[in-house]
Amino acid sequence: MNAPRKLRALVVDDSEVSRRVLSALLHTSEVEVVAEAVTGEEALRLYGLYKPDFVLLDVVLPGIDGVTTARFLRHQDQEARILMCSGTLNRYKVEECRSIGVDDFLIKPYNRTSFKAFLSSVVRRHALPQKVA
């Protein structure tokens, strides 16, 4: 019997520190980070190349912002699982994100316990292909 395939993620954040933290948290959760992007444009290209199970997408990015990137991702793939990350999310930004189909929100700063709970919840609610370790 084959072991279930690891979940695959694309991490998008202009902060190298945030990308490293998210990648490390994903790794400890048995999630494979298939690529990292610094800009929305790069994220769109990498999404098309790798087709990850989900995208962790920062709201504030150079060039096109995270919300616009999410809108383009949704247009590119109606089934894309988009998880927005931000240090601050106001009600209006959340409503805008929900209206374009963002699946969930992760608030910075991250810690291992809350991140694992968040990721397990996302897997359950969005019927991703495997449970998080």
C-alpha atoms as a PDB file:
ATOM      1  CA  MET A   1       0.000   0.000   0.000  1.00  0.00           C
ATOM      2  CA  ASN A   2       1.397   3.375  -0.996  1.00  0.00           C
ATOM      3  CA  ALA A   3       1.779   6.167   1.569  1.00  0.00           C
ATOM      4  CA  PRO A   4      -0.504   9.135   0.931  1.00  0.00           C
ATOM      5  CA  ARG A   5       1.029  11.918  -1.112  1.00  0.00           C
ATOM      6  CA  LYS A   6       2.240  14.927   0.843  1.00  0.00           C
ATOM      7  CA  LEU A   7       0.296  18.132   0.444  1.00  0.00           C
ATOM      8  CA  ARG A   8       2.110  20.590  -1.817  1.00  0.00           C
ATOM      9  CA  ALA A   9       2.234  24.334  -1.121  1.00  0.00           C
ATOM     10  CA  LEU A  10       3.353  27.538  -2.788  1.00  0.00           C
ATOM     11  CA  VAL A  11       4.537  30.189  -0.290  1.00  0.00           C
ATOM     12  CA  VAL A  12       4.248  33.816  -1.427  1.00  0.00           C
ATOM     13  CA  ASP A  13       5.680  36.600   0.749  1.00  0.00           C
ATOM     14  CA  ASP A  14       8.086  39.436   0.029  1.00  0.00           C
ATOM     15  CA  SER A  15       9.741  38.938   3.432  1.00  0.00           C
ATOM     16  CA  GLU A  16      12.470  36.306   3.343  1.00  0.00           C
ATOM     17  CA  VAL A  17      12.027  35.776   7.097  1.00  0.00           C
ATOM     18  CA  SER A  18       8.293  35.118   6.688  1.00  0.00           C
ATOM     19  CA  ARG A  19       8.921  32.705   3.803  1.00  0.00           C
ATOM     20  CA  ARG A  20      11.478  30.813   5.895  1.00  0.00           C
ATOM     21  CA  VAL A  21       9.156  30.623   8.912  1.00  0.00           C
ATOM     22  CA  LEU A  22       6.213  29.430   6.813  1.00  0.00           C
ATOM     23  CA  SER A  23       8.346  26.909   4.942  1.00  0.00           C
ATOM     24  CA  ALA A  24       9.727  25.524   8.213  1.00  0.00           C
ATOM     25  CA  LEU A  25       6.234  25.268   9.724  1.00  0.00           C
ATOM     26  CA  LEU A  26       4.951  23.522   6.618  1.00  0.00           C
ATOM     27  CA  HIS A  27       7.903  21.126   6.631  1.00  0.00           C
ATOM     28  CA  THR A  28       7.212  20.130  10.259  1.00  0.00           C
ATOM     29  CA  SER A  29       3.597  19.534   9.217  1.00  0.00           C
ATOM     30  CA  GLU A  30       4.678  17.092   6.482  1.00  0.00           C
ATOM     31  CA  VAL A  31       3.782  19.571   3.701  1.00  0.00           C
ATOM     32  CA  GLU A  32       6.111  19.923   0.734  1.00  0.00           C
ATOM     33  CA  VAL A  33       6.877  23.503  -0.281  1.00  0.00           C
ATOM     34  CA  VAL A  34       7.141  23.185  -4.057  1.00  0.00           C
ATOM     35  CA  ALA A  35       8.138  26.813  -4.588  1.00  0.00           C
ATOM     36  CA  GLU A  36       8.476  30.227  -2.969  1.00  0.00           C
ATOM     37  CA  ALA A  37       7.642  33.547  -4.595  1.00  0.00           C
ATOM     38  CA  VAL A  38       8.398  37.163  -3.679  1.00  0.00           C
ATOM     39  CA  THR A  39       5.890  38.865  -6.013  1.00  0.00           C
ATOM     40  CA  GLY A  40       2.389  38.234  -7.239  1.00  0.00           C
ATOM     41  CA  GLU A  41       3.610  37.925 -10.794  1.00  0.00           C
ATOM     42  CA  GLU A  42       6.094  35.245  -9.780  1.00  0.00           C
ATOM     43  CA  ALA A  43       3.368  33.452  -7.809  1.00  0.00           C
ATOM     44  CA  LEU A  44       1.105  33.262 -10.846  1.00  0.00           C
ATOM     45  CA  ARG A  45       3.892  31.793 -12.977  1.00  0.00           C
ATOM     46  CA  LEU A  46       4.901  29.254 -10.301  1.00  0.00           C
ATOM     47  CA  TYR A  47       1.292  28.246  -9.635  1.00  0.00           C
ATOM     48  CA  GLY A  48       0.879  27.346 -13.298  1.00  0.00           C
ATOM     49  CA  LEU A  49       4.140  25.423 -13.251  1.00  0.00           C
ATOM     50  CA  TYR A  50       3.653  23.424 -10.014  1.00  0.00           C
ATOM     51  CA  LYS A  51      -0.141  23.271  -9.465  1.00  0.00           C
ATOM     52  CA  PRO A  52       0.182  23.118  -5.645  1.00  0.00           C
ATOM     53  CA  ASP A  53      -2.627  21.924  -3.382  1.00  0.00           C
ATOM     54  CA  PHE A  54      -2.757  25.357  -1.789  1.00  0.00           C
ATOM     55  CA  VAL A  55      -1.134  28.785  -1.805  1.00  0.00           C
ATOM     56  CA  LEU A  56      -0.116  30.749   1.291  1.00  0.00           C
ATOM     57  CA  LEU A  57      -0.305  34.311  -0.022  1.00  0.00           C
ATOM     58  CA  ASP A  58       0.722  37.494   1.800  1.00  0.00           C
ATOM     59  CA  VAL A  59      -1.625  40.464   1.378  1.00  0.00           C
ATOM     60  CA  VAL A  60       1.156  43.040   0.938  1.00  0.00           C
ATOM     61  CA  LEU A  61       3.459  42.320  -2.013  1.00  0.00           C
ATOM     62  CA  PRO A  62       5.540  44.445  -4.367  1.00  0.00           C
ATOM     63  CA  GLY A  63       3.984  44.877  -7.803  1.00  0.00           C
ATOM     64  CA  ILE A  64       0.500  43.416  -7.806  1.00  0.00           C
ATOM     65  CA  ASP A  65      -0.722  42.951  -4.238  1.00  0.00           C
ATOM     66  CA  GLY A  66      -1.885  39.707  -2.684  1.00  0.00           C
ATOM     67  CA  VAL A  67      -5.592  40.410  -3.165  1.00  0.00           C
ATOM     68  CA  THR A  68      -5.117  41.083  -6.878  1.00  0.00           C
ATOM     69  CA  THR A  69      -2.889  38.009  -7.123  1.00  0.00           C
ATOM     70  CA  ALA A  70      -5.652  35.950  -5.472  1.00  0.00           C
ATOM     71  CA  ARG A  71      -8.133  37.300  -8.012  1.00  0.00           C
ATOM     72  CA  PHE A  72      -5.840  36.249 -10.893  1.00  0.00           C
ATOM     73  CA  LEU A  73      -5.225  32.833  -9.291  1.00  0.00           C
ATOM     74  CA  ARG A  74      -8.969  32.288  -8.989  1.00  0.00           C
ATOM     75  CA  HIS A  75      -9.383  33.238 -12.659  1.00  0.00           C
ATOM     76  CA  GLN A  76      -6.509  30.885 -13.631  1.00  0.00           C
ATOM     77  CA  ASP A  77      -7.927  27.979 -11.575  1.00  0.00           C
ATOM     78  CA  GLN A  78     -11.409  27.944 -10.045  1.00  0.00           C
ATOM     79  CA  GLU A  79     -10.308  25.108  -7.722  1.00  0.00           C
ATOM     80  CA  ALA A  80      -7.211  26.901  -6.357  1.00  0.00           C
ATOM     81  CA  ARG A  81      -6.999  26.822  -2.547  1.00  0.00           C
ATOM     82  CA  ILE A  82      -5.901  30.294  -1.486  1.00  0.00           C
ATOM     83  CA  LEU A  83      -4.930  31.079   2.094  1.00  0.00           C
ATOM     84  CA  MET A  84      -4.178  34.743   2.766  1.00  0.00           C
ATOM     85  CA  CYS A  85      -1.516  35.728   5.323  1.00  0.00           C
ATOM     86  CA  SER A  86      -1.300  39.120   6.970  1.00  0.00           C
ATOM     87  CA  GLY A  87      -0.215  40.931  10.088  1.00  0.00           C
ATOM     88  CA  THR A  88      -3.363  43.015   9.902  1.00  0.00           C
ATOM     89  CA  LEU A  89      -6.640  42.230   8.215  1.00  0.00           C
ATOM     90  CA  ASN A  90      -9.535  44.612   8.587  1.00  0.00           C
ATOM     91  CA  ARG A  91     -13.153  43.669   7.997  1.00  0.00           C
ATOM     92  CA  TYR A  92     -13.230  45.293   4.549  1.00  0.00           C
ATOM     93  CA  LYS A  93     -10.126  43.457   3.334  1.00  0.00           C
ATOM     94  CA  VAL A  94     -11.551  40.140   4.612  1.00  0.00           C
ATOM     95  CA  GLU A  95     -14.849  40.823   2.813  1.00  0.00           C
ATOM     96  CA  GLU A  96     -12.989  41.684  -0.393  1.00  0.00           C
ATOM     97  CA  CYS A  97     -10.934  38.489  -0.132  1.00  0.00           C
ATOM     98  CA  ARG A  98     -14.021  36.372   0.559  1.00  0.00           C
ATOM     99  CA  SER A  99     -15.807  37.906  -2.439  1.00  0.00           C
ATOM    100  CA  ILE A 100     -13.075  36.677  -4.793  1.00  0.00           C
ATOM    101  CA  GLY A 101     -12.958  33.212  -3.253  1.00  0.00           C
ATOM    102  CA  VAL A 102     -10.107  33.247  -0.737  1.00  0.00           C
ATOM    103  CA  ASP A 103     -10.486  30.071   1.317  1.00  0.00           C
ATOM    104  CA  ASP A 104      -9.013  31.143   4.649  1.00  0.00           C
ATOM    105  CA  PHE A 105      -6.858  33.615   6.571  1.00  0.00           C
ATOM    106  CA  LEU A 106      -3.718  33.218   8.660  1.00  0.00           C
ATOM    107  CA  ILE A 107      -2.709  36.087  10.943  1.00  0.00           C
ATOM    108  CA  LYS A 108       0.957  36.858  11.615  1.00  0.00           C
ATOM    109  CA  PRO A 109       2.957  36.258  13.751  1.00  0.00           C
ATOM    110  CA  TYR A 110       2.917  32.487  13.357  1.00  0.00           C
ATOM    111  CA  ASN A 111       3.681  29.884  15.992  1.00  0.00           C
ATOM    112  CA  ARG A 112       3.891  26.139  15.537  1.00  0.00           C
ATOM    113  CA  THR A 113       0.869  25.186  17.638  1.00  0.00           C
ATOM    114  CA  SER A 114      -1.581  27.657  16.131  1.00  0.00           C
ATOM    115  CA  PHE A 115      -0.231  27.018  12.621  1.00  0.00           C
ATOM    116  CA  LYS A 116      -0.722  23.241  12.893  1.00  0.00           C
ATOM    117  CA  ALA A 117      -4.269  23.769  14.184  1.00  0.00           C
ATOM    118  CA  PHE A 118      -4.950  26.211  11.343  1.00  0.00           C
ATOM    119  CA  LEU A 119      -3.578  23.839   8.718  1.00  0.00           C
ATOM    120  CA  SER A 120      -5.529  20.849  10.070  1.00  0.00           C
ATOM    121  CA  SER A 121      -8.690  22.944   9.997  1.00  0.00           C
ATOM    122  CA  VAL A 122      -8.046  24.005   6.411  1.00  0.00           C
ATOM    123  CA  VAL A 123      -7.454  20.404   5.330  1.00  0.00           C
ATOM    124  CA  ARG A 124     -10.741  19.289   6.925  1.00  0.00           C
ATOM    125  CA  ARG A 125     -12.875  22.164   5.690  1.00  0.00           C
ATOM    126  CA  HIS A 126     -11.575  22.231   2.160  1.00  0.00           C
ATOM    127  CA  ALA A 127     -11.248  18.493   1.544  1.00  0.00           C
ATOM    128  CA  LEU A 128      -7.573  18.587   0.722  1.00  0.00           C
ATOM    129  CA  PRO A 129      -6.123  15.181  -0.152  1.00  0.00           C
ATOM    130  CA  GLN A 130      -4.526  14.175   3.156  1.00  0.00           C
ATOM    131  CA  LYS A 131      -4.440  14.945   6.840  1.00  0.00           C
ATOM    132  CA  VAL A 132      -1.599  16.970   8.258  1.00  0.00           C
ATOM    133  CA  ALA A 133       0.829  15.096  10.507  1.00  0.00           C
END
